[in-house]
Amino acid sequence: MSLILTLGIALFSLSSLYFLIKPKAGFNSSFLVSITTLVSYIIMLEGRFLVGSPDTGLYWTRWVFYGLSCPLLIYEISNQLGLNIKQNFTNIFLTALVMVTGVLSSVSSGNFKLAFFIISCAAFAKVLYSVFTAKSTELSRISPYMIFGWSVFPVVFLLSFEGYGLIENPLAAALYLALDLFTKILFYIHFSFFSKKAGQ
């Protein structure tokens, strides 16, 4: 488990440095997302807020830091899609709600865990609807990140000890790390080099 978290620290240290020194016009959400994720991995490795053992315990702080980084990500996605201010704000709010209810679901049990998870999924579905109904030439490049990245997080959540404990933490952590790399580092690098709107 510690090896996976250490790898996450190393990769997000490098990406934070890259996004810091790489010139980018406007709001540099890429650096903020990367360094926020870096702090999350450091906290998980340090283990102060871990409930239980590293292999079978609850890393609930992961969702707190997703609550900081993912609204920044959806801000960037909404901008890439050219959504208006109202749609952008709604997506940011709903994404934050997804993460808050994710925290609540992870620390709850029984019907309360399920209820918070359902609310989280409903909010996420509204965000997905906003993204996939956008009339934008960028949608074809953003959709893989939403389908094969964002939409896989709830599945891993259910399988992990934050959900119903069907897989142990090392496997869950490896899956989360792969998803983090795909939806955060690769996403920003992709649009940095290939999107016409990368300067926004």
N, C-alpha and C. Protein backbone atom coordinates (compact mmCIF):
# COMPACT_ATOMS: atom_id res chain seq x y z
N MET A 1 0.83 -1.21 0.00
CA MET A 1 0.00 0.00 0.00
C MET A 1 0.87 1.26 0.00
N SER A 2 1.89 1.26 0.84
CA SER A 2 2.76 2.43 0.93
C SER A 2 3.50 2.69 -0.38
N LEU A 3 3.82 1.61 -1.10
CA LEU A 3 4.51 1.76 -2.38
C LEU A 3 3.63 2.49 -3.39
N ILE A 4 2.35 2.15 -3.43
CA ILE A 4 1.43 2.79 -4.36
C ILE A 4 1.26 4.27 -4.01
N LEU A 5 1.10 4.56 -2.73
CA LEU A 5 0.94 5.95 -2.30
C LEU A 5 2.22 6.75 -2.55
N THR A 6 3.37 6.12 -2.34
CA THR A 6 4.64 6.80 -2.61
C THR A 6 4.78 7.09 -4.10
N LEU A 7 4.36 6.16 -4.93
CA LEU A 7 4.39 6.38 -6.38
C LEU A 7 3.48 7.55 -6.75
N GLY A 8 2.31 7.61 -6.12
CA GLY A 8 1.41 8.73 -6.36
C GLY A 8 2.05 10.06 -5.98
N ILE A 9 2.75 10.08 -4.85
CA ILE A 9 3.45 11.29 -4.41
C ILE A 9 4.50 11.70 -5.44
N ALA A 10 5.26 10.73 -5.93
CA ALA A 10 6.32 11.03 -6.90
C ALA A 10 5.74 11.58 -8.20
N LEU A 11 4.70 10.94 -8.71
CA LEU A 11 4.12 11.35 -9.99
C LEU A 11 3.45 12.71 -9.89
N PHE A 12 2.74 12.96 -8.80
CA PHE A 12 2.06 14.25 -8.68
C PHE A 12 3.02 15.35 -8.24
N SER A 13 4.16 15.00 -7.67
CA SER A 13 5.21 16.01 -7.45
C SER A 13 5.76 16.49 -8.78
N LEU A 14 6.02 15.53 -9.67
CA LEU A 14 6.53 15.89 -11.00
C LEU A 14 5.51 16.68 -11.80
N SER A 15 4.25 16.24 -11.76
CA SER A 15 3.22 16.95 -12.53
C SER A 15 2.98 18.35 -11.97
N SER A 16 3.05 18.50 -10.65
CA SER A 16 2.87 19.83 -10.04
C SER A 16 3.97 20.77 -10.50
N LEU A 17 5.19 20.26 -10.52
CA LEU A 17 6.31 21.07 -10.98
C LEU A 17 6.15 21.42 -12.46
N TYR A 18 5.74 20.45 -13.25
CA TYR A 18 5.54 20.69 -14.69
C TYR A 18 4.48 21.75 -14.93
N PHE A 19 3.33 21.61 -14.27
CA PHE A 19 2.24 22.56 -14.48
C PHE A 19 2.54 23.93 -13.90
N LEU A 20 3.46 23.98 -12.91
CA LEU A 20 3.85 25.26 -12.34
C LEU A 20 4.73 26.05 -13.29
N ILE A 21 5.70 25.37 -13.91
CA ILE A 21 6.66 26.09 -14.74
C ILE A 21 6.21 26.22 -16.20
N LYS A 22 5.22 25.41 -16.61
CA LYS A 22 4.75 25.50 -17.99
C LYS A 22 3.87 26.74 -18.14
N PRO A 23 4.19 27.62 -19.08
CA PRO A 23 3.37 28.83 -19.27
C PRO A 23 1.94 28.48 -19.64
N LYS A 24 0.99 29.12 -18.99
CA LYS A 24 -0.42 28.92 -19.29
C LYS A 24 -1.16 30.22 -19.04
N ALA A 25 -1.83 30.70 -20.06
CA ALA A 25 -2.60 31.93 -19.91
C ALA A 25 -3.83 31.68 -19.05
N GLY A 26 -4.23 32.65 -18.27
CA GLY A 26 -5.44 32.55 -17.48
C GLY A 26 -5.24 31.74 -16.20
N PHE A 27 -6.32 31.14 -15.74
CA PHE A 27 -6.37 30.43 -14.47
C PHE A 27 -5.68 29.08 -14.59
N ASN A 28 -4.66 28.84 -13.78
CA ASN A 28 -3.86 27.62 -13.88
C ASN A 28 -4.46 26.53 -12.99
N SER A 29 -5.60 25.98 -13.42
CA SER A 29 -6.26 24.94 -12.63
C SER A 29 -5.45 23.66 -12.62
N SER A 30 -4.65 23.43 -13.67
CA SER A 30 -3.87 22.20 -13.74
C SER A 30 -2.90 22.08 -12.56
N PHE A 31 -2.23 23.17 -12.22
CA PHE A 31 -1.30 23.15 -11.09
C PHE A 31 -2.05 22.94 -9.78
N LEU A 32 -3.17 23.62 -9.61
CA LEU A 32 -3.93 23.51 -8.37
C LEU A 32 -4.48 22.10 -8.17
N VAL A 33 -4.98 21.50 -9.24
CA VAL A 33 -5.48 20.13 -9.16
C VAL A 33 -4.36 19.17 -8.80
N SER A 34 -3.21 19.35 -9.45
CA SER A 34 -2.08 18.44 -9.24
C SER A 34 -1.53 18.55 -7.82
N ILE A 35 -1.34 19.76 -7.33
CA ILE A 35 -0.74 19.91 -6.00
C ILE A 35 -1.73 19.52 -4.90
N THR A 36 -3.03 19.72 -5.14
CA THR A 36 -4.03 19.27 -4.19
C THR A 36 -4.02 17.74 -4.08
N THR A 37 -3.89 17.08 -5.22
CA THR A 37 -3.82 15.62 -5.22
C THR A 37 -2.54 15.14 -4.55
N LEU A 38 -1.46 15.86 -4.75
CA LEU A 38 -0.20 15.53 -4.09
C LEU A 38 -0.37 15.56 -2.57
N VAL A 39 -0.99 16.60 -2.05
CA VAL A 39 -1.21 16.70 -0.60
C VAL A 39 -2.06 15.53 -0.11
N SER A 40 -3.06 15.16 -0.89
CA SER A 40 -3.93 14.03 -0.52
C SER A 40 -3.13 12.75 -0.37
N TYR A 41 -2.24 12.48 -1.33
CA TYR A 41 -1.42 11.27 -1.26
C TYR A 41 -0.46 11.31 -0.07
N ILE A 42 0.08 12.47 0.23
CA ILE A 42 0.98 12.58 1.38
C ILE A 42 0.23 12.27 2.67
N ILE A 43 -0.97 12.81 2.80
CA ILE A 43 -1.77 12.57 4.01
C ILE A 43 -2.12 11.09 4.14
N MET A 44 -2.47 10.46 3.03
CA MET A 44 -2.81 9.03 3.09
C MET A 44 -1.60 8.19 3.48
N LEU A 45 -0.44 8.53 2.93
CA LEU A 45 0.77 7.78 3.29
C LEU A 45 1.14 7.98 4.75
N GLU A 46 1.01 9.21 5.24
CA GLU A 46 1.33 9.51 6.63
C GLU A 46 0.39 8.75 7.58
N GLY A 47 -0.87 8.57 7.16
CA GLY A 47 -1.80 7.70 7.88
C GLY A 47 -2.45 8.27 9.11
N ARG A 48 -2.33 9.57 9.33
CA ARG A 48 -2.88 10.14 10.56
C ARG A 48 -4.39 10.02 10.63
N PHE A 49 -5.07 10.15 9.49
CA PHE A 49 -6.54 10.12 9.47
C PHE A 49 -7.08 8.79 8.97
N LEU A 50 -6.21 7.80 8.85
CA LEU A 50 -6.64 6.47 8.44
C LEU A 50 -7.41 5.81 9.58
N VAL A 51 -8.57 5.25 9.25
CA VAL A 51 -9.36 4.52 10.24
C VAL A 51 -9.14 3.03 9.99
N GLY A 52 -8.35 2.38 10.86
CA GLY A 52 -8.05 0.97 10.68
C GLY A 52 -6.64 0.77 10.14
N SER A 53 -6.40 -0.40 9.56
CA SER A 53 -5.07 -0.74 9.05
C SER A 53 -4.91 -0.25 7.61
N PRO A 54 -3.66 -0.12 7.15
CA PRO A 54 -3.43 0.34 5.78
C PRO A 54 -4.10 -0.51 4.70
N ASP A 55 -4.15 -1.83 4.90
CA ASP A 55 -4.70 -2.70 3.86
C ASP A 55 -6.21 -2.84 3.91
N THR A 56 -6.80 -2.62 5.07
CA THR A 56 -8.26 -2.81 5.18
C THR A 56 -8.95 -1.64 5.85
N GLY A 57 -8.26 -0.51 6.00
CA GLY A 57 -8.84 0.64 6.68
C GLY A 57 -9.50 1.62 5.74
N LEU A 58 -9.97 2.71 6.31
CA LEU A 58 -10.74 3.70 5.57
C LEU A 58 -9.91 4.97 5.34
N TYR A 59 -9.61 5.25 4.08
CA TYR A 59 -8.91 6.48 3.71
C TYR A 59 -9.95 7.53 3.29
N TRP A 60 -10.74 8.00 4.25
CA TRP A 60 -11.85 8.89 3.92
C TRP A 60 -11.37 10.26 3.47
N THR A 61 -10.15 10.66 3.82
CA THR A 61 -9.66 11.99 3.42
C THR A 61 -9.48 12.10 1.90
N ARG A 62 -9.38 10.97 1.21
CA ARG A 62 -9.28 10.98 -0.24
C ARG A 62 -10.42 11.81 -0.85
N TRP A 63 -11.62 11.63 -0.30
CA TRP A 63 -12.80 12.29 -0.87
C TRP A 63 -12.87 13.75 -0.48
N VAL A 64 -12.28 14.10 0.64
CA VAL A 64 -12.18 15.52 1.01
C VAL A 64 -11.35 16.27 -0.03
N PHE A 65 -10.22 15.68 -0.40
CA PHE A 65 -9.35 16.35 -1.37
C PHE A 65 -9.89 16.24 -2.79
N TYR A 66 -10.64 15.20 -3.09
CA TYR A 66 -11.36 15.18 -4.37
C TYR A 66 -12.37 16.34 -4.41
N GLY A 67 -12.90 16.66 -3.23
CA GLY A 67 -13.84 17.78 -3.15
C GLY A 67 -13.20 19.11 -3.48
N LEU A 68 -11.87 19.19 -3.37
CA LEU A 68 -11.14 20.40 -3.76
C LEU A 68 -10.69 20.35 -5.21
N SER A 69 -10.21 19.17 -5.64
CA SER A 69 -9.62 19.09 -6.99
C SER A 69 -10.65 18.89 -8.10
N CYS A 70 -11.67 18.10 -7.84
CA CYS A 70 -12.61 17.78 -8.92
C CYS A 70 -13.48 18.96 -9.37
N PRO A 71 -13.92 19.85 -8.47
CA PRO A 71 -14.60 21.05 -8.98
C PRO A 71 -13.70 21.90 -9.89
N LEU A 72 -12.39 21.92 -9.61
CA LEU A 72 -11.46 22.63 -10.49
C LEU A 72 -11.38 21.94 -11.85
N LEU A 73 -11.39 20.61 -11.83
CA LEU A 73 -11.37 19.86 -13.08
C LEU A 73 -12.62 20.11 -13.90
N ILE A 74 -13.78 20.08 -13.25
CA ILE A 74 -15.03 20.28 -13.99
C ILE A 74 -15.13 21.72 -14.48
N TYR A 75 -14.51 22.65 -13.77
CA TYR A 75 -14.42 24.03 -14.26
C TYR A 75 -13.69 24.06 -15.60
N GLU A 76 -12.57 23.35 -15.66
CA GLU A 76 -11.79 23.31 -16.89
C GLU A 76 -12.56 22.62 -18.01
N ILE A 77 -13.22 21.53 -17.69
CA ILE A 77 -14.01 20.81 -18.68
C ILE A 77 -15.15 21.67 -19.21
N SER A 78 -15.84 22.36 -18.30
CA SER A 78 -16.94 23.23 -18.72
C SER A 78 -16.44 24.35 -19.62
N ASN A 79 -15.27 24.88 -19.31
CA ASN A 79 -14.68 25.93 -20.16
C ASN A 79 -14.32 25.37 -21.53
N GLN A 80 -13.74 24.18 -21.56
CA GLN A 80 -13.38 23.56 -22.82
C GLN A 80 -14.62 23.35 -23.69
N LEU A 81 -15.73 23.02 -23.07
CA LEU A 81 -16.97 22.78 -23.80
C LEU A 81 -17.71 24.06 -24.15
N GLY A 82 -17.25 25.18 -23.61
CA GLY A 82 -17.90 26.46 -23.89
C GLY A 82 -19.24 26.63 -23.20
N LEU A 83 -19.42 25.99 -22.04
CA LEU A 83 -20.67 26.13 -21.31
C LEU A 83 -20.77 27.53 -20.71
N ASN A 84 -22.01 28.01 -20.56
CA ASN A 84 -22.19 29.35 -20.02
C ASN A 84 -21.92 29.37 -18.52
N ILE A 85 -21.92 30.56 -17.94
CA ILE A 85 -21.57 30.73 -16.53
C ILE A 85 -22.52 29.95 -15.62
N LYS A 86 -23.80 29.98 -15.93
CA LYS A 86 -24.78 29.26 -15.11
C LYS A 86 -24.51 27.76 -15.14
N GLN A 87 -24.27 27.20 -16.31
CA GLN A 87 -23.98 25.77 -16.42
C GLN A 87 -22.68 25.42 -15.72
N ASN A 88 -21.69 26.28 -15.87
CA ASN A 88 -20.40 26.05 -15.25
C ASN A 88 -20.53 26.04 -13.73
N PHE A 89 -21.20 27.03 -13.18
CA PHE A 89 -21.38 27.11 -11.73
C PHE A 89 -22.16 25.90 -11.22
N THR A 90 -23.21 25.51 -11.95
CA THR A 90 -24.01 24.34 -11.54
C THR A 90 -23.15 23.09 -11.51
N ASN A 91 -22.32 22.91 -12.53
CA ASN A 91 -21.45 21.73 -12.58
C ASN A 91 -20.43 21.72 -11.44
N ILE A 92 -19.89 22.90 -11.14
CA ILE A 92 -18.93 23.00 -10.03
C ILE A 92 -19.60 22.64 -8.70
N PHE A 93 -20.79 23.19 -8.48
CA PHE A 93 -21.53 22.92 -7.23
C PHE A 93 -21.88 21.43 -7.12
N LEU A 94 -22.40 20.87 -8.20
CA LEU A 94 -22.79 19.46 -8.17
C LEU A 94 -21.59 18.54 -7.98
N THR A 95 -20.47 18.89 -8.58
CA THR A 95 -19.26 18.08 -8.40
C THR A 95 -18.79 18.12 -6.95
N ALA A 96 -18.85 19.30 -6.34
CA ALA A 96 -18.51 19.40 -4.91
C ALA A 96 -19.48 18.55 -4.08
N LEU A 97 -20.76 18.58 -4.44
CA LEU A 97 -21.75 17.78 -3.72
C LEU A 97 -21.48 16.29 -3.87
N VAL A 98 -21.06 15.87 -5.06
CA VAL A 98 -20.69 14.47 -5.28
C VAL A 98 -19.63 14.04 -4.28
N MET A 99 -18.63 14.90 -4.09
CA MET A 99 -17.52 14.54 -3.21
C MET A 99 -17.92 14.60 -1.73
N VAL A 100 -18.73 15.57 -1.35
CA VAL A 100 -19.19 15.66 0.03
C VAL A 100 -20.01 14.43 0.40
N THR A 101 -20.93 14.05 -0.49
CA THR A 101 -21.73 12.86 -0.21
C THR A 101 -20.88 11.59 -0.29
N GLY A 102 -19.78 11.66 -1.07
CA GLY A 102 -18.83 10.54 -1.08
C GLY A 102 -18.17 10.36 0.28
N VAL A 103 -17.77 11.47 0.89
CA VAL A 103 -17.21 11.42 2.25
C VAL A 103 -18.24 10.84 3.22
N LEU A 104 -19.46 11.35 3.15
CA LEU A 104 -20.51 10.91 4.06
C LEU A 104 -20.83 9.43 3.87
N SER A 105 -20.86 8.98 2.62
CA SER A 105 -21.11 7.57 2.35
C SER A 105 -19.98 6.70 2.89
N SER A 106 -18.75 7.16 2.75
CA SER A 106 -17.60 6.35 3.18
C SER A 106 -17.57 6.16 4.69
N VAL A 107 -18.06 7.15 5.44
CA VAL A 107 -18.01 7.05 6.91
C VAL A 107 -19.33 6.58 7.51
N SER A 108 -20.32 6.30 6.66
CA SER A 108 -21.62 5.83 7.14
C SER A 108 -21.74 4.33 6.93
N SER A 109 -22.84 3.77 7.40
CA SER A 109 -23.07 2.34 7.22
C SER A 109 -24.54 2.09 6.91
N GLY A 110 -24.82 0.88 6.44
CA GLY A 110 -26.19 0.47 6.19
C GLY A 110 -26.90 1.33 5.16
N ASN A 111 -28.15 1.67 5.47
CA ASN A 111 -28.97 2.44 4.54
C ASN A 111 -28.45 3.86 4.34
N PHE A 112 -27.79 4.41 5.35
CA PHE A 112 -27.25 5.76 5.21
C PHE A 112 -26.11 5.78 4.18
N LYS A 113 -25.26 4.76 4.20
CA LYS A 113 -24.19 4.66 3.21
C LYS A 113 -24.79 4.63 1.80
N LEU A 114 -25.82 3.79 1.63
CA LEU A 114 -26.46 3.66 0.32
C LEU A 114 -27.15 4.95 -0.09
N ALA A 115 -27.82 5.61 0.85
CA ALA A 115 -28.53 6.84 0.54
C ALA A 115 -27.58 7.93 0.07
N PHE A 116 -26.48 8.12 0.79
CA PHE A 116 -25.51 9.14 0.38
C PHE A 116 -24.88 8.79 -0.97
N PHE A 117 -24.65 7.50 -1.21
CA PHE A 117 -24.08 7.08 -2.50
C PHE A 117 -25.06 7.36 -3.64
N ILE A 118 -26.34 7.11 -3.42
CA ILE A 118 -27.34 7.36 -4.46
C ILE A 118 -27.43 8.85 -4.75
N ILE A 119 -27.42 9.68 -3.71
CA ILE A 119 -27.44 11.14 -3.92
C ILE A 119 -26.22 11.57 -4.71
N SER A 120 -25.07 11.02 -4.36
CA SER A 120 -23.83 11.34 -5.06
C SER A 120 -23.93 10.97 -6.54
N CYS A 121 -24.46 9.79 -6.82
CA CYS A 121 -24.59 9.33 -8.21
C CYS A 121 -25.59 10.19 -8.98
N ALA A 122 -26.66 10.62 -8.32
CA ALA A 122 -27.65 11.47 -8.98
C ALA A 122 -27.04 12.81 -9.38
N ALA A 123 -26.26 13.38 -8.46
CA ALA A 123 -25.59 14.66 -8.77
C ALA A 123 -24.58 14.48 -9.90
N PHE A 124 -23.86 13.36 -9.87
CA PHE A 124 -22.89 13.08 -10.91
C PHE A 124 -23.56 12.86 -12.27
N ALA A 125 -24.72 12.20 -12.25
CA ALA A 125 -25.46 11.98 -13.50
C ALA A 125 -25.86 13.30 -14.13
N LYS A 126 -26.23 14.27 -13.30
CA LYS A 126 -26.59 15.60 -13.83
C LYS A 126 -25.38 16.27 -14.46
N VAL A 127 -24.22 16.12 -13.86
CA VAL A 127 -22.99 16.68 -14.44
C VAL A 127 -22.70 16.01 -15.78
N LEU A 128 -22.81 14.68 -15.82
CA LEU A 128 -22.56 13.95 -17.07
C LEU A 128 -23.54 14.39 -18.16
N TYR A 129 -24.79 14.59 -17.79
CA TYR A 129 -25.79 15.04 -18.77
C TYR A 129 -25.40 16.39 -19.35
N SER A 130 -24.94 17.29 -18.50
CA SER A 130 -24.51 18.61 -18.96
C SER A 130 -23.34 18.50 -19.92
N VAL A 131 -22.40 17.61 -19.61
CA VAL A 131 -21.22 17.44 -20.45
C VAL A 131 -21.58 16.82 -21.80
N PHE A 132 -22.35 15.75 -21.77
CA PHE A 132 -22.61 15.00 -23.01
C PHE A 132 -23.68 15.62 -23.90
N THR A 133 -24.39 16.60 -23.39
CA THR A 133 -25.35 17.31 -24.24
C THR A 133 -24.79 18.64 -24.74
N ALA A 134 -23.54 18.94 -24.39
CA ALA A 134 -22.92 20.18 -24.86
C ALA A 134 -22.67 20.10 -26.36
N LYS A 135 -22.99 21.17 -27.04
CA LYS A 135 -22.75 21.24 -28.48
C LYS A 135 -21.38 21.87 -28.69
N SER A 136 -20.36 21.01 -28.67
CA SER A 136 -18.98 21.49 -28.75
C SER A 136 -18.14 20.50 -29.54
N THR A 137 -17.22 21.03 -30.31
CA THR A 137 -16.29 20.18 -31.05
C THR A 137 -15.31 19.49 -30.11
N GLU A 138 -15.20 19.98 -28.87
CA GLU A 138 -14.27 19.41 -27.89
C GLU A 138 -14.84 18.16 -27.21
N LEU A 139 -16.14 17.91 -27.38
CA LEU A 139 -16.77 16.81 -26.67
C LEU A 139 -16.14 15.46 -27.00
N SER A 140 -15.78 15.26 -28.26
CA SER A 140 -15.21 13.97 -28.65
C SER A 140 -13.88 13.70 -27.95
N ARG A 141 -13.17 14.76 -27.55
CA ARG A 141 -11.90 14.57 -26.85
C ARG A 141 -12.08 14.50 -25.34
N ILE A 142 -13.14 15.10 -24.84
CA ILE A 142 -13.39 15.07 -23.41
C ILE A 142 -14.11 13.78 -22.99
N SER A 143 -14.98 13.26 -23.84
CA SER A 143 -15.82 12.12 -23.46
C SER A 143 -15.03 10.90 -22.99
N PRO A 144 -13.87 10.56 -23.58
CA PRO A 144 -13.13 9.39 -23.05
C PRO A 144 -12.71 9.56 -21.58
N TYR A 145 -12.40 10.79 -21.20
CA TYR A 145 -12.00 11.03 -19.81
C TYR A 145 -13.19 10.87 -18.86
N MET A 146 -14.39 11.23 -19.35
CA MET A 146 -15.57 11.08 -18.52
C MET A 146 -16.02 9.62 -18.45
N ILE A 147 -15.97 8.91 -19.59
CA ILE A 147 -16.46 7.53 -19.66
C ILE A 147 -15.50 6.56 -18.98
N PHE A 148 -14.23 6.64 -19.34
CA PHE A 148 -13.24 5.67 -18.85
C PHE A 148 -12.48 6.16 -17.62
N GLY A 149 -12.75 7.37 -17.18
CA GLY A 149 -12.11 7.91 -16.00
C GLY A 149 -13.11 8.25 -14.91
N TRP A 150 -13.79 9.37 -15.06
CA TRP A 150 -14.72 9.84 -14.04
C TRP A 150 -15.77 8.79 -13.67
N SER A 151 -16.33 8.12 -14.67
CA SER A 151 -17.42 7.18 -14.41
C SER A 151 -16.96 5.88 -13.74
N VAL A 152 -15.67 5.64 -13.70
CA VAL A 152 -15.16 4.42 -13.06
C VAL A 152 -14.95 4.63 -11.56
N PHE A 153 -14.76 5.87 -11.13
CA PHE A 153 -14.54 6.15 -9.71
C PHE A 153 -15.65 5.59 -8.81
N PRO A 154 -16.95 5.78 -9.14
CA PRO A 154 -17.99 5.23 -8.26
C PRO A 154 -17.93 3.70 -8.16
N VAL A 155 -17.51 3.04 -9.24
CA VAL A 155 -17.41 1.58 -9.22
C VAL A 155 -16.31 1.15 -8.25
N VAL A 156 -15.15 1.79 -8.33
CA VAL A 156 -14.06 1.47 -7.41
C VAL A 156 -14.47 1.79 -5.98
N PHE A 157 -15.18 2.90 -5.81
CA PHE A 157 -15.66 3.27 -4.48
C PHE A 157 -16.50 2.15 -3.87
N LEU A 158 -17.44 1.62 -4.63
CA LEU A 158 -18.30 0.56 -4.12
C LEU A 158 -17.51 -0.69 -3.75
N LEU A 159 -16.50 -1.00 -4.55
CA LEU A 159 -15.71 -2.21 -4.32
C LEU A 159 -14.73 -2.07 -3.15
N SER A 160 -14.29 -0.83 -2.90
CA SER A 160 -13.27 -0.59 -1.88
C SER A 160 -13.87 -0.60 -0.48
N PHE A 161 -12.99 -0.42 0.53
CA PHE A 161 -13.47 -0.39 1.91
C PHE A 161 -14.24 0.89 2.22
N GLU A 162 -14.12 1.89 1.37
CA GLU A 162 -14.97 3.08 1.51
C GLU A 162 -16.41 2.74 1.19
N GLY A 163 -16.59 1.70 0.35
CA GLY A 163 -17.92 1.24 -0.01
C GLY A 163 -18.27 -0.02 0.75
N TYR A 164 -18.16 -1.19 0.06
CA TYR A 164 -18.59 -2.45 0.68
C TYR A 164 -17.47 -3.47 0.87
N GLY A 165 -16.22 -3.04 0.69
CA GLY A 165 -15.08 -3.85 1.07
C GLY A 165 -14.89 -5.13 0.28
N LEU A 166 -15.17 -5.09 -1.01
CA LEU A 166 -15.00 -6.29 -1.84
C LEU A 166 -13.56 -6.44 -2.34
N ILE A 167 -12.80 -5.36 -2.34
CA ILE A 167 -11.38 -5.45 -2.69
C ILE A 167 -10.59 -4.74 -1.60
N GLU A 168 -9.34 -5.17 -1.40
CA GLU A 168 -8.52 -4.56 -0.35
C GLU A 168 -7.88 -3.26 -0.85
N ASN A 169 -7.37 -2.51 0.08
CA ASN A 169 -6.87 -1.16 -0.23
C ASN A 169 -5.75 -1.10 -1.26
N PRO A 170 -4.78 -2.02 -1.28
CA PRO A 170 -3.73 -1.91 -2.29
C PRO A 170 -4.26 -1.93 -3.72
N LEU A 171 -5.21 -2.81 -4.00
CA LEU A 171 -5.80 -2.84 -5.34
C LEU A 171 -6.62 -1.58 -5.59
N ALA A 172 -7.43 -1.18 -4.61
CA ALA A 172 -8.23 0.05 -4.77
C ALA A 172 -7.32 1.25 -4.99
N ALA A 173 -6.23 1.32 -4.23
CA ALA A 173 -5.31 2.45 -4.36
C ALA A 173 -4.65 2.47 -5.73
N ALA A 174 -4.31 1.28 -6.25
CA ALA A 174 -3.72 1.21 -7.59
C ALA A 174 -4.71 1.69 -8.64
N LEU A 175 -5.97 1.29 -8.49
CA LEU A 175 -7.01 1.74 -9.43
C LEU A 175 -7.25 3.23 -9.33
N TYR A 176 -7.32 3.74 -8.10
CA TYR A 176 -7.49 5.18 -7.91
C TYR A 176 -6.33 5.96 -8.51
N LEU A 177 -5.11 5.46 -8.32
CA LEU A 177 -3.95 6.15 -8.86
C LEU A 177 -4.01 6.18 -10.38
N ALA A 178 -4.34 5.05 -11.00
CA ALA A 178 -4.47 5.02 -12.47
C ALA A 178 -5.53 6.00 -12.95
N LEU A 179 -6.65 6.07 -12.24
CA LEU A 179 -7.72 7.01 -12.61
C LEU A 179 -7.28 8.45 -12.40
N ASP A 180 -6.57 8.70 -11.31
CA ASP A 180 -6.06 10.05 -11.05
C ASP A 180 -5.11 10.50 -12.16
N LEU A 181 -4.22 9.61 -12.56
CA LEU A 181 -3.27 9.95 -13.63
C LEU A 181 -4.00 10.25 -14.93
N PHE A 182 -5.00 9.44 -15.23
CA PHE A 182 -5.74 9.59 -16.48
C PHE A 182 -6.57 10.86 -16.51
N THR A 183 -7.32 11.10 -15.43
CA THR A 183 -8.27 12.22 -15.43
C THR A 183 -7.64 13.56 -15.05
N LYS A 184 -6.45 13.53 -14.48
CA LYS A 184 -5.82 14.77 -14.04
C LYS A 184 -4.58 15.10 -14.85
N ILE A 185 -3.57 14.26 -14.80
CA ILE A 185 -2.33 14.58 -15.50
C ILE A 185 -2.49 14.45 -17.02
N LEU A 186 -2.95 13.28 -17.48
CA LEU A 186 -3.08 13.08 -18.93
C LEU A 186 -4.11 14.03 -19.54
N PHE A 187 -5.19 14.28 -18.82
CA PHE A 187 -6.21 15.20 -19.32
C PHE A 187 -5.62 16.58 -19.57
N TYR A 188 -4.92 17.12 -18.59
CA TYR A 188 -4.36 18.46 -18.75
C TYR A 188 -3.27 18.51 -19.80
N ILE A 189 -2.44 17.49 -19.87
CA ILE A 189 -1.39 17.47 -20.89
C ILE A 189 -2.01 17.38 -22.28
N HIS A 190 -3.03 16.55 -22.42
CA HIS A 190 -3.74 16.41 -23.69
C HIS A 190 -4.26 17.76 -24.18
N PHE A 191 -4.98 18.45 -23.33
CA PHE A 191 -5.58 19.71 -23.76
C PHE A 191 -4.56 20.85 -23.80
N SER A 192 -3.48 20.70 -23.08
CA SER A 192 -2.42 21.69 -23.17
C SER A 192 -1.79 21.70 -24.56
N PHE A 193 -1.66 20.52 -25.14
CA PHE A 193 -0.99 20.41 -26.44
C PHE A 193 -1.95 20.43 -27.62
N PHE A 194 -3.17 19.93 -27.44
CA PHE A 194 -4.01 19.70 -28.60
C PHE A 194 -5.29 20.53 -28.66
N SER A 195 -5.71 21.12 -27.56
CA SER A 195 -6.98 21.84 -27.60
C SER A 195 -6.77 23.29 -28.01
N LYS A 196 -7.65 23.76 -28.84
CA LYS A 196 -7.59 25.17 -29.27
C LYS A 196 -7.92 26.08 -28.10
N LYS A 197 -8.61 25.56 -27.09
CA LYS A 197 -9.03 26.38 -25.96
C LYS A 197 -8.15 26.18 -24.75
N ALA A 198 -6.99 25.60 -24.96
CA ALA A 198 -6.11 25.28 -23.82
C ALA A 198 -5.65 26.52 -23.08
N GLY A 199 -5.67 27.64 -23.72
CA GLY A 199 -5.22 28.86 -23.06
C GLY A 199 -6.25 29.49 -22.18
N GLN A 200 -7.45 28.95 -22.13
CA GLN A 200 -8.48 29.57 -21.29
C GLN A 200 -8.23 29.28 -19.82
